[in-house]
Amino acid sequence: MKNNKQGWLKNIRHLTSPHFDKRPDPQDVSLLVIHYISLPPEQFGGNFVDDFFLGKLNPTAHPYFKEIYQVRVSTHFFIDRNGRITQYVSLQDRAWHAGVSCFQGRNKCNDYSIGIELEGSNEQPFTEQQYAKLTQLTQQIMALYPQITTDRIVGHSDIAPERKIDPGRYFEWDNYLKSLG
């Protein structure tokens, strides 16, 4: 994976989400946030996650989708169960993944963070392929944005503890952080 000048990594799948805007300060990217998602909940595969981040989720495809199909949300990256990485938003832009959030007394984490969603849940472990790709992706992001250090890699639950639990109880923080070298 390499980076092009527009903030899109090469050699991965690209789908452009309409749910983003400009960062207040493009030079201030200093946080990496790990999430999980499965759509419908606890089900993996298919295109529902793509559709959600692209604003194209069909509310009649599953009863749960009636609650969320109009939510405008995105992430920079999504890693599916097989390790395939999809990028939805340029690293130079602000993806809408963190919501109401705070890190070390600083609000609005979307302004200065990169979001990575893993296909998963709080009920099942993540796959070896996901961890391998997450490590590669994280190392590349850290090389591009040296302000992101291992102590500035957090879960969604760390920046929005009243609302979120992801990446959840099965996420292997110790092994992941050690894999970064």
C-alpha atoms as a PDB file:
ATOM      1  CA  MET A   1       0.000   0.000   0.000  1.00  0.00           C
ATOM      2  CA  LYS A   2       1.323   3.380  -0.930  1.00  0.00           C
ATOM      3  CA  ASN A   3      -0.192   6.842  -0.696  1.00  0.00           C
ATOM      4  CA  ASN A   4      -1.008   9.168  -3.537  1.00  0.00           C
ATOM      5  CA  LYS A   5      -1.006  12.945  -3.196  1.00  0.00           C
ATOM      6  CA  GLN A   6      -4.778  13.126  -2.742  1.00  0.00           C
ATOM      7  CA  GLY A   7      -4.780  11.005   0.448  1.00  0.00           C
ATOM      8  CA  TRP A   8      -5.928   7.747  -1.155  1.00  0.00           C
ATOM      9  CA  LEU A   9      -3.826   4.656  -0.533  1.00  0.00           C
ATOM     10  CA  LYS A  10      -2.856   2.641  -3.581  1.00  0.00           C
ATOM     11  CA  ASN A  11      -3.473  -1.058  -4.142  1.00  0.00           C
ATOM     12  CA  ILE A  12      -6.655  -1.231  -2.085  1.00  0.00           C
ATOM     13  CA  ARG A  13     -10.327  -0.962  -2.977  1.00  0.00           C
ATOM     14  CA  HIS A  14     -11.775   2.579  -3.194  1.00  0.00           C
ATOM     15  CA  LEU A  15     -15.423   3.565  -2.813  1.00  0.00           C
ATOM     16  CA  THR A  16     -16.005   7.278  -2.315  1.00  0.00           C
ATOM     17  CA  SER A  17     -18.437   8.154   0.464  1.00  0.00           C
ATOM     18  CA  PRO A  18     -20.400  11.402   0.215  1.00  0.00           C
ATOM     19  CA  HIS A  19     -20.249  11.654   4.016  1.00  0.00           C
ATOM     20  CA  PHE A  20     -17.130  13.703   4.691  1.00  0.00           C
ATOM     21  CA  ASP A  21     -15.936  17.265   4.762  1.00  0.00           C
ATOM     22  CA  LYS A  22     -12.677  19.179   4.967  1.00  0.00           C
ATOM     23  CA  ARG A  23     -10.542  18.933   8.090  1.00  0.00           C
ATOM     24  CA  PRO A  24     -10.197  22.223  10.004  1.00  0.00           C
ATOM     25  CA  ASP A  25      -6.413  21.707   9.932  1.00  0.00           C
ATOM     26  CA  PRO A  26      -5.164  19.063   7.465  1.00  0.00           C
ATOM     27  CA  GLN A  27      -1.739  19.098   9.158  1.00  0.00           C
ATOM     28  CA  ASP A  28      -3.294  18.040  12.483  1.00  0.00           C
ATOM     29  CA  VAL A  29      -3.865  14.315  12.084  1.00  0.00           C
ATOM     30  CA  SER A  30      -2.804  12.782  15.366  1.00  0.00           C
ATOM     31  CA  LEU A  31      -5.228  10.038  16.412  1.00  0.00           C
ATOM     32  CA  LEU A  32      -6.239   6.614  15.082  1.00  0.00           C
ATOM     33  CA  VAL A  33      -9.620   5.211  16.147  1.00  0.00           C
ATOM     34  CA  ILE A  34     -10.491   1.510  15.866  1.00  0.00           C
ATOM     35  CA  HIS A  35     -14.160   0.513  15.492  1.00  0.00           C
ATOM     36  CA  TYR A  36     -16.217  -2.528  14.584  1.00  0.00           C
ATOM     37  CA  ILE A  37     -19.323  -2.846  12.451  1.00  0.00           C
ATOM     38  CA  SER A  38     -21.552  -5.607  11.133  1.00  0.00           C
ATOM     39  CA  LEU A  39     -24.694  -5.142   9.085  1.00  0.00           C
ATOM     40  CA  PRO A  40     -27.145  -6.520   9.893  1.00  0.00           C
ATOM     41  CA  PRO A  41     -25.825  -6.862  13.454  1.00  0.00           C
ATOM     42  CA  GLU A  42     -23.841 -10.091  13.950  1.00  0.00           C
ATOM     43  CA  GLN A  43     -23.902 -10.899  10.223  1.00  0.00           C
ATOM     44  CA  PHE A  44     -20.836 -10.687   8.014  1.00  0.00           C
ATOM     45  CA  GLY A  45     -20.306 -10.452   4.279  1.00  0.00           C
ATOM     46  CA  GLY A  46     -22.335  -8.806   1.567  1.00  0.00           C
ATOM     47  CA  ASN A  47     -22.427  -5.144   0.597  1.00  0.00           C
ATOM     48  CA  PHE A  48     -24.482  -3.656   3.418  1.00  0.00           C
ATOM     49  CA  VAL A  49     -21.504  -1.950   5.105  1.00  0.00           C
ATOM     50  CA  ASP A  50     -20.488  -0.410   1.780  1.00  0.00           C
ATOM     51  CA  ASP A  51     -24.059   0.715   1.183  1.00  0.00           C
ATOM     52  CA  PHE A  52     -24.221   2.262   4.659  1.00  0.00           C
ATOM     53  CA  PHE A  53     -21.033   4.299   4.230  1.00  0.00           C
ATOM     54  CA  LEU A  54     -22.106   5.311   0.715  1.00  0.00           C
ATOM     55  CA  GLY A  55     -25.552   6.490   1.870  1.00  0.00           C
ATOM     56  CA  LYS A  56     -27.283   3.798  -0.206  1.00  0.00           C
ATOM     57  CA  LEU A  57     -28.578   1.403   2.453  1.00  0.00           C
ATOM     58  CA  ASN A  58     -31.972  -0.002   1.458  1.00  0.00           C
ATOM     59  CA  PRO A  59     -34.335   0.300   4.461  1.00  0.00           C
ATOM     60  CA  THR A  60     -36.398  -2.661   3.232  1.00  0.00           C
ATOM     61  CA  ALA A  61     -33.461  -5.093   3.023  1.00  0.00           C
ATOM     62  CA  HIS A  62     -33.548  -5.838   6.781  1.00  0.00           C
ATOM     63  CA  PRO A  63     -35.762  -4.563   9.638  1.00  0.00           C
ATOM     64  CA  TYR A  64     -32.754  -3.022  11.441  1.00  0.00           C
ATOM     65  CA  PHE A  65     -31.959  -0.854   8.419  1.00  0.00           C
ATOM     66  CA  LYS A  66     -35.151   1.158   8.911  1.00  0.00           C
ATOM     67  CA  GLU A  67     -33.497   2.646  12.025  1.00  0.00           C
ATOM     68  CA  ILE A  68     -30.191   3.573  10.406  1.00  0.00           C
ATOM     69  CA  TYR A  69     -30.555   4.022   6.650  1.00  0.00           C
ATOM     70  CA  GLN A  70     -30.663   7.842   6.870  1.00  0.00           C
ATOM     71  CA  VAL A  71     -27.677   8.140   9.220  1.00  0.00           C
ATOM     72  CA  ARG A  72     -24.828   9.984   7.549  1.00  0.00           C
ATOM     73  CA  VAL A  73     -21.665   8.238   8.659  1.00  0.00           C
ATOM     74  CA  SER A  74     -18.369   7.193   7.111  1.00  0.00           C
ATOM     75  CA  THR A  75     -14.921   5.947   7.925  1.00  0.00           C
ATOM     76  CA  HIS A  76     -11.585   6.176   6.232  1.00  0.00           C
ATOM     77  CA  PHE A  77     -11.083   2.394   6.085  1.00  0.00           C
ATOM     78  CA  PHE A  78     -13.005  -0.853   6.495  1.00  0.00           C
ATOM     79  CA  ILE A  79     -11.333  -4.262   6.845  1.00  0.00           C
ATOM     80  CA  ASP A  80     -13.644  -7.202   6.145  1.00  0.00           C
ATOM     81  CA  ARG A  81     -13.355 -10.691   7.686  1.00  0.00           C
ATOM     82  CA  ASN A  82     -11.061 -11.836   4.839  1.00  0.00           C
ATOM     83  CA  GLY A  83      -8.710  -8.881   5.254  1.00  0.00           C
ATOM     84  CA  ARG A  84      -9.869  -6.863   2.249  1.00  0.00           C
ATOM     85  CA  ILE A  85      -9.368  -3.148   2.868  1.00  0.00           C
ATOM     86  CA  THR A  86     -11.749  -0.557   1.448  1.00  0.00           C
ATOM     87  CA  GLN A  87     -11.074   3.180   1.671  1.00  0.00           C
ATOM     88  CA  TYR A  88     -14.106   5.495   1.627  1.00  0.00           C
ATOM     89  CA  VAL A  89     -12.651   8.902   2.510  1.00  0.00           C
ATOM     90  CA  SER A  90      -9.323  10.537   1.668  1.00  0.00           C
ATOM     91  CA  LEU A  91      -6.923  10.818   4.584  1.00  0.00           C
ATOM     92  CA  GLN A  92      -6.821  14.545   3.880  1.00  0.00           C
ATOM     93  CA  ASP A  93     -10.551  14.814   4.648  1.00  0.00           C
ATOM     94  CA  ARG A  94     -12.631  14.382   7.782  1.00  0.00           C
ATOM     95  CA  ALA A  95     -14.633  11.150   7.874  1.00  0.00           C
ATOM     96  CA  TRP A  96     -17.670  11.025  10.152  1.00  0.00           C
ATOM     97  CA  HIS A  97     -16.841   8.014  12.339  1.00  0.00           C
ATOM     98  CA  ALA A  98     -16.352   9.220  15.914  1.00  0.00           C
ATOM     99  CA  GLY A  99     -19.467  11.282  16.599  1.00  0.00           C
ATOM    100  CA  VAL A 100     -19.548  13.134  19.901  1.00  0.00           C
ATOM    101  CA  SER A 101     -16.093  12.312  21.227  1.00  0.00           C
ATOM    102  CA  CYS A 102     -13.175  13.502  23.337  1.00  0.00           C
ATOM    103  CA  PHE A 103      -9.521  12.455  23.643  1.00  0.00           C
ATOM    104  CA  GLN A 104      -7.282  13.871  26.390  1.00  0.00           C
ATOM    105  CA  GLY A 105      -9.626  16.825  26.908  1.00  0.00           C
ATOM    106  CA  ARG A 106      -9.916  17.632  23.217  1.00  0.00           C
ATOM    107  CA  ASN A 107     -13.378  17.293  21.643  1.00  0.00           C
ATOM    108  CA  LYS A 108     -14.435  16.535  18.050  1.00  0.00           C
ATOM    109  CA  CYS A 109     -12.066  13.652  17.363  1.00  0.00           C
ATOM    110  CA  ASN A 110     -13.173  13.470  13.718  1.00  0.00           C
ATOM    111  CA  ASP A 111     -11.273  16.721  13.162  1.00  0.00           C
ATOM    112  CA  TYR A 112      -7.880  15.143  13.855  1.00  0.00           C
ATOM    113  CA  SER A 113      -8.356  11.382  13.565  1.00  0.00           C
ATOM    114  CA  ILE A 114      -8.389   8.544  11.081  1.00  0.00           C
ATOM    115  CA  GLY A 115     -11.049   5.875  11.491  1.00  0.00           C
ATOM    116  CA  ILE A 116     -10.679   2.163  10.784  1.00  0.00           C
ATOM    117  CA  GLU A 117     -13.706  -0.125  10.979  1.00  0.00           C
ATOM    118  CA  LEU A 118     -13.249  -3.865  11.364  1.00  0.00           C
ATOM    119  CA  GLU A 119     -16.048  -6.153  10.261  1.00  0.00           C
ATOM    120  CA  GLY A 120     -16.969  -7.656  13.588  1.00  0.00           C
ATOM    121  CA  SER A 121     -18.925  -7.407  16.792  1.00  0.00           C
ATOM    122  CA  ASN A 122     -18.645  -7.663  20.547  1.00  0.00           C
ATOM    123  CA  GLU A 123     -19.670 -11.332  20.319  1.00  0.00           C
ATOM    124  CA  GLN A 124     -16.956 -12.852  18.106  1.00  0.00           C
ATOM    125  CA  PRO A 125     -13.173 -12.680  17.757  1.00  0.00           C
ATOM    126  CA  PHE A 126     -11.644 -10.895  14.791  1.00  0.00           C
ATOM    127  CA  THR A 127      -9.759 -12.906  12.144  1.00  0.00           C
ATOM    128  CA  GLU A 128      -6.028 -13.348  11.665  1.00  0.00           C
ATOM    129  CA  GLN A 129      -6.388 -11.779   8.211  1.00  0.00           C
ATOM    130  CA  GLN A 130      -7.950  -8.676   9.773  1.00  0.00           C
ATOM    131  CA  TYR A 131      -5.132  -8.277  12.285  1.00  0.00           C
ATOM    132  CA  ALA A 132      -2.484  -8.744   9.572  1.00  0.00           C
ATOM    133  CA  LYS A 133      -4.051  -6.086   7.340  1.00  0.00           C
ATOM    134  CA  LEU A 134      -4.771  -3.799  10.307  1.00  0.00           C
ATOM    135  CA  THR A 135      -1.086  -3.963  11.273  1.00  0.00           C
ATOM    136  CA  GLN A 136       0.056  -3.157   7.714  1.00  0.00           C
ATOM    137  CA  LEU A 137      -2.446  -0.332   7.381  1.00  0.00           C
ATOM    138  CA  THR A 138      -1.592   1.130  10.783  1.00  0.00           C
ATOM    139  CA  GLN A 139       2.134   1.065  10.036  1.00  0.00           C
ATOM    140  CA  GLN A 140       1.534   2.921   6.789  1.00  0.00           C
ATOM    141  CA  ILE A 141      -0.680   5.497   8.497  1.00  0.00           C
ATOM    142  CA  MET A 142       1.912   6.022  11.235  1.00  0.00           C
ATOM    143  CA  ALA A 143       4.604   6.578   8.577  1.00  0.00           C
ATOM    144  CA  LEU A 144       2.431   9.175   6.843  1.00  0.00           C
ATOM    145  CA  TYR A 145       1.304  10.829  10.097  1.00  0.00           C
ATOM    146  CA  PRO A 146       4.130  10.633  12.665  1.00  0.00           C
ATOM    147  CA  GLN A 147       1.972  12.347  15.309  1.00  0.00           C
ATOM    148  CA  ILE A 148       0.061   9.051  15.504  1.00  0.00           C
ATOM    149  CA  THR A 149       2.031   6.977  17.979  1.00  0.00           C
ATOM    150  CA  THR A 150       0.932   3.800  19.736  1.00  0.00           C
ATOM    151  CA  ASP A 151      -0.362   5.833  22.685  1.00  0.00           C
ATOM    152  CA  ARG A 152      -2.598   7.719  20.243  1.00  0.00           C
ATOM    153  CA  ILE A 153      -4.300   4.603  18.888  1.00  0.00           C
ATOM    154  CA  VAL A 154      -7.607   4.123  20.670  1.00  0.00           C
ATOM    155  CA  GLY A 155     -10.913   2.347  20.493  1.00  0.00           C
ATOM    156  CA  HIS A 156     -14.178   4.127  19.846  1.00  0.00           C
ATOM    157  CA  SER A 157     -15.036   3.228  23.443  1.00  0.00           C
ATOM    158  CA  ASP A 158     -12.056   5.288  24.665  1.00  0.00           C
ATOM    159  CA  ILE A 159     -13.263   8.508  23.053  1.00  0.00           C
ATOM    160  CA  ALA A 160     -17.030   7.997  23.502  1.00  0.00           C
ATOM    161  CA  PRO A 161     -17.318   5.787  26.615  1.00  0.00           C
ATOM    162  CA  GLU A 162     -20.902   6.750  27.376  1.00  0.00           C
ATOM    163  CA  ARG A 163     -22.081   5.635  23.914  1.00  0.00           C
ATOM    164  CA  LYS A 164     -19.735   3.035  22.451  1.00  0.00           C
ATOM    165  CA  ILE A 165     -18.096  -0.289  23.312  1.00  0.00           C
ATOM    166  CA  ASP A 166     -16.140  -0.993  20.117  1.00  0.00           C
ATOM    167  CA  PRO A 167     -13.769  -2.473  19.204  1.00  0.00           C
ATOM    168  CA  GLY A 168     -15.090  -4.663  22.009  1.00  0.00           C
ATOM    169  CA  ARG A 169     -13.997  -7.406  24.322  1.00  0.00           C
ATOM    170  CA  TYR A 170     -12.454  -9.636  21.648  1.00  0.00           C
ATOM    171  CA  PHE A 171     -10.089  -7.046  20.246  1.00  0.00           C
ATOM    172  CA  GLU A 172      -6.517  -8.140  21.086  1.00  0.00           C
ATOM    173  CA  TRP A 173      -4.956  -4.805  21.989  1.00  0.00           C
ATOM    174  CA  ASP A 174      -1.675  -6.218  23.343  1.00  0.00           C
ATOM    175  CA  ASN A 175      -0.945  -8.367  20.285  1.00  0.00           C
ATOM    176  CA  TYR A 176      -1.983  -5.594  17.893  1.00  0.00           C
ATOM    177  CA  LEU A 177       0.186  -2.947  19.530  1.00  0.00           C
ATOM    178  CA  LYS A 178       3.165  -5.357  19.741  1.00  0.00           C
ATOM    179  CA  SER A 179       2.751  -6.159  16.044  1.00  0.00           C
ATOM    180  CA  LEU A 180       3.394  -2.506  15.213  1.00  0.00           C
ATOM    181  CA  GLY A 181       7.008  -2.872  16.338  1.00  0.00           C
END
